[in-house]
Structure formats: C-alpha cells, structure tokens
Amino acid sequence: VVAVLLWRGISARALIVSAGVLLAVVVPLLYVLFPG
C-alpha cells in the first residue's frame, strides 16, 4: 500500500484527511454497527 501511494504521488494533505476520516468516522461506526 505504501509503495503504491508513493508511486501515485498522494499529497500529505490527502493522507492526513484520509486518516482523520478513518479515525473519526469509520472506527466509531464499526463499534456501533458490530458491537461485541
């Protein structure tokens, strides 16, 4: 994955925004939709 991101030239802003979406949206949704 890192090799592809470096080869495709994804900007630092896009990487940080994507990480924020995963942490602030996807992770909480996984806990809510698939509770233990």
Full PDB file with SEQRES, HELIX, SHEET, SSBOND, CRYST1, ORIGX, SCALE, CONECT and MASTER records, all heavy atoms in Angstrom:
SEQRES   1 A   36  VAL VAL ALA VAL LEU LEU TRP ARG GLY ILE SER ALA ARG          
SEQRES   2 A   36  ALA LEU ILE VAL SER ALA GLY VAL LEU LEU ALA VAL VAL          
SEQRES   3 A   36  VAL PRO LEU LEU TYR VAL LEU PHE PRO GLY                      
HELIX    1 AA1 VAL A    2  ARG A    8  1                                   7    
HELIX    2 AA2 ALA A   12  VAL A   21  1                                  10    
HELIX    3 AA3 LEU A   22  VAL A   26  3                                   5    
HELIX    4 AA4 VAL A   27  LEU A   33  1                                   7    
CRYST1    1.000    1.000    1.000  90.00  90.00  90.00 P 1           1          
ORIGX1      1.000000  0.000000  0.000000        0.00000                         
ORIGX2      0.000000  1.000000  0.000000        0.00000                         
ORIGX3      0.000000  0.000000  1.000000        0.00000                         
SCALE1      1.000000  0.000000  0.000000        0.00000                         
SCALE2      0.000000  1.000000  0.000000        0.00000                         
SCALE3      0.000000  0.000000  1.000000        0.00000                         
ATOM      1  N   VAL A   1       0.838  -1.204   0.000  1.00  0.00           N  
ATOM      2  CA  VAL A   1       0.000   0.000   0.000  1.00  0.00           C  
ATOM      3  C   VAL A   1       0.875   1.257   0.000  1.00  0.00           C  
ATOM      4  O   VAL A   1       0.631   2.212  -0.754  1.00  0.00           O  
ATOM      5  CB  VAL A   1      -0.958  -0.014   1.193  1.00  0.00           C  
ATOM      6  CG1 VAL A   1      -1.680   1.323   1.321  1.00  0.00           C  
ATOM      7  CG2 VAL A   1      -1.982  -1.143   1.049  1.00  0.00           C  
ATOM      8  N   VAL A   2       1.889   1.285   0.843  1.00  0.00           N  
ATOM      9  CA  VAL A   2       2.775   2.451   0.896  1.00  0.00           C  
ATOM     10  C   VAL A   2       3.510   2.625  -0.423  1.00  0.00           C  
ATOM     11  O   VAL A   2       3.671   3.758  -0.922  1.00  0.00           O  
ATOM     12  CB  VAL A   2       3.765   2.303   2.070  1.00  0.00           C  
ATOM     13  CG1 VAL A   2       4.864   3.363   1.989  1.00  0.00           C  
ATOM     14  CG2 VAL A   2       3.030   2.420   3.397  1.00  0.00           C  
ATOM     15  N   ALA A   3       3.945   1.539  -1.021  1.00  0.00           N  
ATOM     16  CA  ALA A   3       4.636   1.640  -2.309  1.00  0.00           C  
ATOM     17  C   ALA A   3       3.720   2.251  -3.368  1.00  0.00           C  
ATOM     18  O   ALA A   3       4.141   3.117  -4.158  1.00  0.00           O  
ATOM     19  CB  ALA A   3       5.122   0.261  -2.738  1.00  0.00           C  
ATOM     20  N   VAL A   4       2.453   1.831  -3.403  1.00  0.00           N  
ATOM     21  CA  VAL A   4       1.514   2.381  -4.388  1.00  0.00           C  
ATOM     22  C   VAL A   4       1.247   3.858  -4.110  1.00  0.00           C  
ATOM     23  O   VAL A   4       1.195   4.683  -5.040  1.00  0.00           O  
ATOM     24  CB  VAL A   4       0.199   1.573  -4.373  1.00  0.00           C  
ATOM     25  CG1 VAL A   4      -0.865   2.248  -5.217  1.00  0.00           C  
ATOM     26  CG2 VAL A   4       0.449   0.162  -4.877  1.00  0.00           C  
ATOM     27  N   LEU A   5       1.083   4.236  -2.826  1.00  0.00           N  
ATOM     28  CA  LEU A   5       0.823   5.641  -2.503  1.00  0.00           C  
ATOM     29  C   LEU A   5       1.996   6.526  -2.885  1.00  0.00           C  
ATOM     30  O   LEU A   5       1.814   7.648  -3.389  1.00  0.00           O  
ATOM     31  CB  LEU A   5       0.527   5.767  -1.004  1.00  0.00           C  
ATOM     32  CG  LEU A   5      -0.778   5.124  -0.513  1.00  0.00           C  
ATOM     33  CD1 LEU A   5      -0.912   5.281   1.000  1.00  0.00           C  
ATOM     34  CD2 LEU A   5      -1.983   5.733  -1.209  1.00  0.00           C  
ATOM     35  N   LEU A   6       3.220   6.055  -2.665  1.00  0.00           N  
ATOM     36  CA  LEU A   6       4.390   6.833  -3.063  1.00  0.00           C  
ATOM     37  C   LEU A   6       4.497   6.919  -4.586  1.00  0.00           C  
ATOM     38  O   LEU A   6       4.850   7.969  -5.135  1.00  0.00           O  
ATOM     39  CB  LEU A   6       5.655   6.195  -2.483  1.00  0.00           C  
ATOM     40  CG  LEU A   6       5.804   6.243  -0.958  1.00  0.00           C  
ATOM     41  CD1 LEU A   6       7.056   5.499  -0.529  1.00  0.00           C  
ATOM     42  CD2 LEU A   6       5.860   7.686  -0.468  1.00  0.00           C  
ATOM     43  N   TRP A   7       4.184   5.837  -5.262  1.00  0.00           N  
ATOM     44  CA  TRP A   7       4.296   5.825  -6.720  1.00  0.00           C  
ATOM     45  C   TRP A   7       3.240   6.711  -7.372  1.00  0.00           C  
ATOM     46  O   TRP A   7       3.500   7.399  -8.354  1.00  0.00           O  
ATOM     47  CB  TRP A   7       4.180   4.387  -7.211  1.00  0.00           C  
ATOM     48  CG  TRP A   7       4.165   4.262  -8.708  1.00  0.00           C  
ATOM     49  CD1 TRP A   7       5.142   4.640  -9.577  1.00  0.00           C  
ATOM     50  CD2 TRP A   7       3.098   3.719  -9.488  1.00  0.00           C  
ATOM     51  NE1 TRP A   7       4.769   4.374 -10.876  1.00  0.00           N  
ATOM     52  CE2 TRP A   7       3.509   3.799 -10.856  1.00  0.00           C  
ATOM     53  CE3 TRP A   7       1.862   3.171  -9.192  1.00  0.00           C  
ATOM     54  CZ2 TRP A   7       2.700   3.350 -11.885  1.00  0.00           C  
ATOM     55  CZ3 TRP A   7       1.066   2.717 -10.227  1.00  0.00           C  
ATOM     56  CH2 TRP A   7       1.482   2.813 -11.550  1.00  0.00           C  
ATOM     57  N   ARG A   8       2.024   6.737  -6.792  1.00  0.00           N  
ATOM     58  CA  ARG A   8       0.952   7.549  -7.356  1.00  0.00           C  
ATOM     59  C   ARG A   8       1.051   9.009  -6.936  1.00  0.00           C  
ATOM     60  O   ARG A   8       0.367   9.868  -7.494  1.00  0.00           O  
ATOM     61  CB  ARG A   8      -0.417   6.997  -6.933  1.00  0.00           C  
ATOM     62  CG  ARG A   8      -0.698   5.596  -7.433  1.00  0.00           C  
ATOM     63  CD  ARG A   8      -0.652   5.529  -8.935  1.00  0.00           C  
ATOM     64  NE  ARG A   8      -1.641   6.429  -9.541  1.00  0.00           N  
ATOM     65  CZ  ARG A   8      -1.733   6.691 -10.833  1.00  0.00           C  
ATOM     66  NH1 ARG A   8      -0.852   6.169 -11.669  1.00  0.00           N  
ATOM     67  NH2 ARG A   8      -2.660   7.497 -11.301  1.00  0.00           N  
ATOM     68  N   GLY A   9       1.859   9.328  -5.937  1.00  0.00           N  
ATOM     69  CA  GLY A   9       2.070  10.722  -5.566  1.00  0.00           C  
ATOM     70  C   GLY A   9       0.936  11.341  -4.780  1.00  0.00           C  
ATOM     71  O   GLY A   9       0.536  12.480  -5.056  1.00  0.00           O  
ATOM     72  N   ILE A  10       0.376  10.626  -3.820  1.00  0.00           N  
ATOM     73  CA  ILE A  10      -0.686  11.168  -2.981  1.00  0.00           C  
ATOM     74  C   ILE A  10      -0.100  12.236  -2.067  1.00  0.00           C  
ATOM     75  O   ILE A  10       0.931  12.032  -1.425  1.00  0.00           O  
ATOM     76  CB  ILE A  10      -1.348  10.049  -2.155  1.00  0.00           C  
ATOM     77  CG1 ILE A  10      -1.807   8.919  -3.079  1.00  0.00           C  
ATOM     78  CG2 ILE A  10      -2.516  10.586  -1.358  1.00  0.00           C  
ATOM     79  CD1 ILE A  10      -2.802   9.328  -4.124  1.00  0.00           C  
ATOM     80  N   SER A  11      -0.740  13.400  -1.987  1.00  0.00           N  
ATOM     81  CA  SER A  11      -0.213  14.509  -1.199  1.00  0.00           C  
ATOM     82  C   SER A  11      -0.370  14.247   0.289  1.00  0.00           C  
ATOM     83  O   SER A  11      -1.178  13.400   0.716  1.00  0.00           O  
ATOM     84  CB  SER A  11      -0.940  15.804  -1.563  1.00  0.00           C  
ATOM     85  OG  SER A  11      -2.310  15.730  -1.184  1.00  0.00           O  
ATOM     86  N   ALA A  12       0.393  14.995   1.076  1.00  0.00           N  
ATOM     87  CA  ALA A  12       0.330  14.842   2.529  1.00  0.00           C  
ATOM     88  C   ALA A  12      -1.040  15.243   3.066  1.00  0.00           C  
ATOM     89  O   ALA A  12      -1.563  14.621   3.997  1.00  0.00           O  
ATOM     90  CB  ALA A  12       1.428  15.678   3.186  1.00  0.00           C  
ATOM     91  N   ARG A  13      -1.644  16.269   2.490  1.00  0.00           N  
ATOM     92  CA  ARG A  13      -2.971  16.693   2.940  1.00  0.00           C  
ATOM     93  C   ARG A  13      -3.999  15.580   2.726  1.00  0.00           C  
ATOM     94  O   ARG A  13      -4.828  15.299   3.588  1.00  0.00           O  
ATOM     95  CB  ARG A  13      -3.395  17.961   2.212  1.00  0.00           C  
ATOM     96  CG  ARG A  13      -4.739  18.528   2.680  1.00  0.00           C  
ATOM     97  CD  ARG A  13      -5.114  19.727   1.830  1.00  0.00           C  
ATOM     98  NE  ARG A  13      -4.106  20.770   1.943  1.00  0.00           N  
ATOM     99  CZ  ARG A  13      -4.082  21.681   2.918  1.00  0.00           C  
ATOM    100  NH1 ARG A  13      -5.026  21.682   3.837  1.00  0.00           N  
ATOM    101  NH2 ARG A  13      -3.142  22.598   2.936  1.00  0.00           N  
ATOM    102  N   ALA A  14      -3.945  14.928   1.559  1.00  0.00           N  
ATOM    103  CA  ALA A  14      -4.890  13.838   1.290  1.00  0.00           C  
ATOM    104  C   ALA A  14      -4.671  12.675   2.249  1.00  0.00           C  
ATOM    105  O   ALA A  14      -5.637  12.044   2.707  1.00  0.00           O  
ATOM    106  CB  ALA A  14      -4.742  13.377  -0.159  1.00  0.00           C  
ATOM    107  N   LEU A  15      -3.418  12.384   2.565  1.00  0.00           N  
ATOM    108  CA  LEU A  15      -3.144  11.293   3.500  1.00  0.00           C  
ATOM    109  C   LEU A  15      -3.683  11.609   4.897  1.00  0.00           C  
ATOM    110  O   LEU A  15      -4.294  10.755   5.552  1.00  0.00           O  
ATOM    111  CB  LEU A  15      -1.638  11.040   3.572  1.00  0.00           C  
ATOM    112  CG  LEU A  15      -0.979  10.506   2.294  1.00  0.00           C  
ATOM    113  CD1 LEU A  15       0.532  10.494   2.447  1.00  0.00           C  
ATOM    114  CD2 LEU A  15      -1.487   9.119   1.954  1.00  0.00           C  
ATOM    115  N   ILE A  16      -3.486  12.847   5.357  1.00  0.00           N  
ATOM    116  CA  ILE A  16      -3.938  13.222   6.703  1.00  0.00           C  
ATOM    117  C   ILE A  16      -5.463  13.248   6.764  1.00  0.00           C  
ATOM    118  O   ILE A  16      -6.070  12.792   7.742  1.00  0.00           O  
ATOM    119  CB  ILE A  16      -3.334  14.573   7.098  1.00  0.00           C  
ATOM    120  CG1 ILE A  16      -1.813  14.450   7.210  1.00  0.00           C  
ATOM    121  CG2 ILE A  16      -3.922  15.074   8.406  1.00  0.00           C  
ATOM    122  CD1 ILE A  16      -1.098  15.756   7.426  1.00  0.00           C  
ATOM    123  N   VAL A  17      -6.101  13.780   5.739  1.00  0.00           N  
ATOM    124  CA  VAL A  17      -7.571  13.803   5.720  1.00  0.00           C  
ATOM    125  C   VAL A  17      -8.131  12.384   5.706  1.00  0.00           C  
ATOM    126  O   VAL A  17      -9.110  12.069   6.407  1.00  0.00           O  
ATOM    127  CB  VAL A  17      -8.072  14.615   4.515  1.00  0.00           C  
ATOM    128  CG1 VAL A  17      -9.576  14.460   4.347  1.00  0.00           C  
ATOM    129  CG2 VAL A  17      -7.711  16.086   4.676  1.00  0.00           C  
ATOM    130  N   SER A  18      -7.530  11.505   4.927  1.00  0.00           N  
ATOM    131  CA  SER A  18      -7.992  10.117   4.887  1.00  0.00           C  
ATOM    132  C   SER A  18      -7.848   9.459   6.254  1.00  0.00           C  
ATOM    133  O   SER A  18      -8.750   8.735   6.706  1.00  0.00           O  
ATOM    134  CB  SER A  18      -7.202   9.336   3.837  1.00  0.00           C  
ATOM    135  OG  SER A  18      -7.351   9.906   2.552  1.00  0.00           O  
ATOM    136  N   ALA A  19      -6.716   9.706   6.931  1.00  0.00           N  
ATOM    137  CA  ALA A  19      -6.541   9.140   8.271  1.00  0.00           C  
ATOM    138  C   ALA A  19      -7.571   9.692   9.240  1.00  0.00           C  
ATOM    139  O   ALA A  19      -8.108   8.955  10.080  1.00  0.00           O  
ATOM    140  CB  ALA A  19      -5.122   9.443   8.775  1.00  0.00           C  
ATOM    141  N   GLY A  20      -7.879  10.986   9.131  1.00  0.00           N  
ATOM    142  CA  GLY A  20      -8.890  11.564  10.015  1.00  0.00           C  
ATOM    143  C   GLY A  20     -10.271  10.953   9.797  1.00  0.00           C  
ATOM    144  O   GLY A  20     -11.018  10.713  10.746  1.00  0.00           O  
ATOM    145  N   VAL A  21     -10.619  10.686   8.534  1.00  0.00           N  
ATOM    146  CA  VAL A  21     -11.913  10.055   8.248  1.00  0.00           C  
ATOM    147  C   VAL A  21     -11.967   8.652   8.846  1.00  0.00           C  
ATOM    148  O   VAL A  21     -12.978   8.236   9.430  1.00  0.00           O  
ATOM    149  CB  VAL A  21     -12.156  10.024   6.732  1.00  0.00           C  
ATOM    150  CG1 VAL A  21     -13.381   9.180   6.401  1.00  0.00           C  
ATOM    151  CG2 VAL A  21     -12.322  11.434   6.195  1.00  0.00           C  
ATOM    152  N   LEU A  22     -10.879   7.917   8.719  1.00  0.00           N  
ATOM    153  CA  LEU A  22     -10.866   6.566   9.288  1.00  0.00           C  
ATOM    154  C   LEU A  22     -11.022   6.599  10.802  1.00  0.00           C  
ATOM    155  O   LEU A  22     -11.785   5.795  11.381  1.00  0.00           O  
ATOM    156  CB  LEU A  22      -9.563   5.867   8.909  1.00  0.00           C  
ATOM    157  CG  LEU A  22      -9.368   5.514   7.432  1.00  0.00           C  
ATOM    158  CD1 LEU A  22      -8.016   4.865   7.212  1.00  0.00           C  
ATOM    159  CD2 LEU A  22     -10.481   4.616   6.933  1.00  0.00           C  
ATOM    160  N   LEU A  23     -10.322   7.513  11.477  1.00  0.00           N  
ATOM    161  CA  LEU A  23     -10.362   7.557  12.937  1.00  0.00           C  
ATOM    162  C   LEU A  23     -11.656   8.154  13.466  1.00  0.00           C  
ATOM    163  O   LEU A  23     -12.190   7.685  14.486  1.00  0.00           O  
ATOM    164  CB  LEU A  23      -9.170   8.361  13.466  1.00  0.00           C  
ATOM    165  CG  LEU A  23      -7.791   7.721  13.280  1.00  0.00           C  
ATOM    166  CD1 LEU A  23      -6.700   8.680  13.747  1.00  0.00           C  
ATOM    167  CD2 LEU A  23      -7.689   6.411  14.035  1.00  0.00           C  
ATOM    168  N   ALA A  24     -12.160   9.191  12.816  1.00  0.00           N  
ATOM    169  CA  ALA A  24     -13.330   9.904  13.350  1.00  0.00           C  
ATOM    170  C   ALA A  24     -14.655   9.335  12.872  1.00  0.00           C  
ATOM    171  O   ALA A  24     -15.685   9.563  13.512  1.00  0.00           O  
ATOM    172  CB  ALA A  24     -13.252  11.390  12.968  1.00  0.00           C  
ATOM    173  N   VAL A  25     -14.665   8.593  11.766  1.00  0.00           N  
ATOM    174  CA  VAL A  25     -15.926   8.105  11.208  1.00  0.00           C  
ATOM    175  C   VAL A  25     -15.968   6.579  11.175  1.00  0.00           C  
ATOM    176  O   VAL A  25     -16.875   5.951  11.725  1.00  0.00           O  
ATOM    177  CB  VAL A  25     -16.155   8.679   9.790  1.00  0.00           C  
ATOM    178  CG1 VAL A  25     -17.464   8.141   9.210  1.00  0.00           C  
ATOM    179  CG2 VAL A  25     -16.178  10.205   9.834  1.00  0.00           C  
ATOM    180  N   VAL A  26     -14.987   5.965  10.519  1.00  0.00           N  
ATOM    181  CA  VAL A  26     -15.056   4.525  10.273  1.00  0.00           C  
ATOM    182  C   VAL A  26     -14.928   3.727  11.565  1.00  0.00           C  
ATOM    183  O   VAL A  26     -15.711   2.800  11.820  1.00  0.00           O  
ATOM    184  CB  VAL A  26     -13.980   4.109   9.257  1.00  0.00           C  
ATOM    185  CG1 VAL A  26     -14.017   2.605   9.020  1.00  0.00           C  
ATOM    186  CG2 VAL A  26     -14.174   4.855   7.940  1.00  0.00           C  
ATOM    187  N   VAL A  27     -13.935   4.062  12.404  1.00  0.00           N  
ATOM    188  CA  VAL A  27     -13.744   3.295  13.642  1.00  0.00           C  
ATOM    189  C   VAL A  27     -14.967   3.363  14.551  1.00  0.00           C  
ATOM    190  O   VAL A  27     -15.461   2.320  15.022  1.00  0.00           O  
ATOM    191  CB  VAL A  27     -12.470   3.779  14.371  1.00  0.00           C  
ATOM    192  CG1 VAL A  27     -12.370   3.152  15.753  1.00  0.00           C  
ATOM    193  CG2 VAL A  27     -11.242   3.435  13.548  1.00  0.00           C  
ATOM    194  N   PRO A  28     -15.540   4.555  14.841  1.00  0.00           N  
ATOM    195  CA  PRO A  28     -16.761   4.566  15.669  1.00  0.00           C  
ATOM    196  C   PRO A  28     -17.918   3.790  15.032  1.00  0.00           C  
ATOM    197  O   PRO A  28     -18.679   3.124  15.740  1.00  0.00           O  
ATOM    198  CB  PRO A  28     -17.086   6.048  15.807  1.00  0.00           C  
ATOM    199  CG  PRO A  28     -15.789   6.755  15.599  1.00  0.00           C  
ATOM    200  CD  PRO A  28     -15.075   5.937  14.579  1.00  0.00           C  
ATOM    201  N   LEU A  29     -18.055   3.870  13.695  1.00  0.00           N  
ATOM    202  CA  LEU A  29     -19.139   3.134  13.051  1.00  0.00           C  
ATOM    203  C   LEU A  29     -18.973   1.624  13.214  1.00  0.00           C  
ATOM    204  O   LEU A  29     -19.957   0.898  13.407  1.00  0.00           O  
ATOM    205  CB  LEU A  29     -19.194   3.495  11.566  1.00  0.00           C  
ATOM    206  CG  LEU A  29     -19.901   4.805  11.203  1.00  0.00           C  
ATOM    207  CD1 LEU A  29     -19.844   5.033   9.699  1.00  0.00           C  
ATOM    208  CD2 LEU A  29     -21.346   4.783  11.692  1.00  0.00           C  
ATOM    209  N   LEU A  30     -17.741   1.145  13.152  1.00  0.00           N  
ATOM    210  CA  LEU A  30     -17.516  -0.290  13.336  1.00  0.00           C  
ATOM    211  C   LEU A  30     -17.914  -0.735  14.733  1.00  0.00           C  
ATOM    212  O   LEU A  30     -18.478  -1.830  14.918  1.00  0.00           O  
ATOM    213  CB  LEU A  30     -16.049  -0.621  13.059  1.00  0.00           C  
ATOM    214  CG  LEU A  30     -15.599  -0.526  11.600  1.00  0.00           C  
ATOM    215  CD1 LEU A  30     -14.116  -0.790  11.475  1.00  0.00           C  
ATOM    216  CD2 LEU A  30     -16.379  -1.511  10.738  1.00  0.00           C  
ATOM    217  N   TYR A  31     -17.638   0.091  15.743  1.00  0.00           N  
ATOM    218  CA  TYR A  31     -18.040  -0.258  17.106  1.00  0.00           C  
ATOM    219  C   TYR A  31     -19.561  -0.228  17.268  1.00  0.00           C  
ATOM    220  O   TYR A  31     -20.120  -1.029  18.020  1.00  0.00           O  
ATOM    221  CB  TYR A  31     -17.392   0.700  18.109  1.00  0.00           C  
ATOM    222  CG  TYR A  31     -15.998   0.301  18.508  1.00  0.00           C  
ATOM    223  CD1 TYR A  31     -14.889   0.809  17.839  1.00  0.00           C  
ATOM    224  CD2 TYR A  31     -15.788  -0.580  19.558  1.00  0.00           C  
ATOM    225  CE1 TYR A  31     -13.605   0.448  18.197  1.00  0.00           C  
ATOM    226  CE2 TYR A  31     -14.505  -0.947  19.928  1.00  0.00           C  
ATOM    227  CZ  TYR A  31     -13.423  -0.441  19.247  1.00  0.00           C  
ATOM    228  OH  TYR A  31     -12.156  -0.802  19.595  1.00  0.00           O  
ATOM    229  N   VAL A  32     -20.221   0.709  16.562  1.00  0.00           N  
ATOM    230  CA  VAL A  32     -21.674   0.822  16.699  1.00  0.00           C  
ATOM    231  C   VAL A  32     -22.389  -0.263  15.893  1.00  0.00           C  
ATOM    232  O   VAL A  32     -23.338  -0.901  16.385  1.00  0.00           O  
ATOM    233  CB  VAL A  32     -22.136   2.229  16.249  1.00  0.00           C  
ATOM    234  CG1 VAL A  32     -23.654   2.305  16.205  1.00  0.00           C  
ATOM    235  CG2 VAL A  32     -21.593   3.285  17.208  1.00  0.00           C  
ATOM    236  N   LEU A  33     -21.947  -0.495  14.666  1.00  0.00           N  
ATOM    237  CA  LEU A  33     -22.633  -1.450  13.804  1.00  0.00           C  
ATOM    238  C   LEU A  33     -22.318  -2.895  14.164  1.00  0.00           C  
ATOM    239  O   LEU A  33     -23.147  -3.791  13.938  1.00  0.00           O  
ATOM    240  CB  LEU A  33     -22.249  -1.195  12.339  1.00  0.00           C  
ATOM    241  CG  LEU A  33     -22.648   0.171  11.778  1.00  0.00           C  
ATOM    242  CD1 LEU A  33     -22.168   0.321  10.329  1.00  0.00           C  
ATOM    243  CD2 LEU A  33     -24.163   0.366  11.850  1.00  0.00           C  
ATOM    244  N   PHE A  34     -21.140  -3.154  14.706  1.00  0.00           N  
ATOM    245  CA  PHE A  34     -20.749  -4.517  15.061  1.00  0.00           C  
ATOM    246  C   PHE A  34     -20.317  -4.559  16.528  1.00  0.00           C  
ATOM    247  O   PHE A  34     -19.137  -4.731  16.837  1.00  0.00           O  
ATOM    248  CB  PHE A  34     -19.613  -5.001  14.154  1.00  0.00           C  
ATOM    249  CG  PHE A  34     -19.941  -4.920  12.698  1.00  0.00           C  
ATOM    250  CD1 PHE A  34     -19.494  -3.855  11.934  1.00  0.00           C  
ATOM    251  CD2 PHE A  34     -20.708  -5.906  12.090  1.00  0.00           C  
ATOM    252  CE1 PHE A  34     -19.797  -3.777  10.577  1.00  0.00           C  
ATOM    253  CE2 PHE A  34     -21.011  -5.833  10.742  1.00  0.00           C  
ATOM    254  CZ  PHE A  34     -20.564  -4.760   9.982  1.00  0.00           C  
ATOM    255  N   PRO A  35     -21.240  -4.366  17.456  1.00  0.00           N  
ATOM    256  CA  PRO A  35     -20.864  -4.380  18.874  1.00  0.00           C  
ATOM    257  C   PRO A  35     -20.484  -5.789  19.330  1.00  0.00           C  
ATOM    258  O   PRO A  35     -20.973  -6.796  18.809  1.00  0.00           O  
ATOM    259  CB  PRO A  35     -22.140  -3.895  19.579  1.00  0.00           C  
ATOM    260  CG  PRO A  35     -23.241  -4.300  18.660  1.00  0.00           C  
ATOM    261  CD  PRO A  35     -22.689  -4.183  17.260  1.00  0.00           C  
ATOM    262  N   GLY A  36     -19.602  -5.852  20.305  1.00  0.00           N  
ATOM    263  CA  GLY A  36     -19.227  -7.137  20.865  1.00  0.00           C  
ATOM    264  C   GLY A  36     -20.341  -7.712  21.718  1.00  0.00           C  
ATOM    265  O   GLY A  36     -21.171  -6.984  22.278  1.00  0.00           O  
TER     266      GLY A  36                                                      
MASTER        0    0    0    4    0    0    0    6  265    1    0    3          
END                                                                             
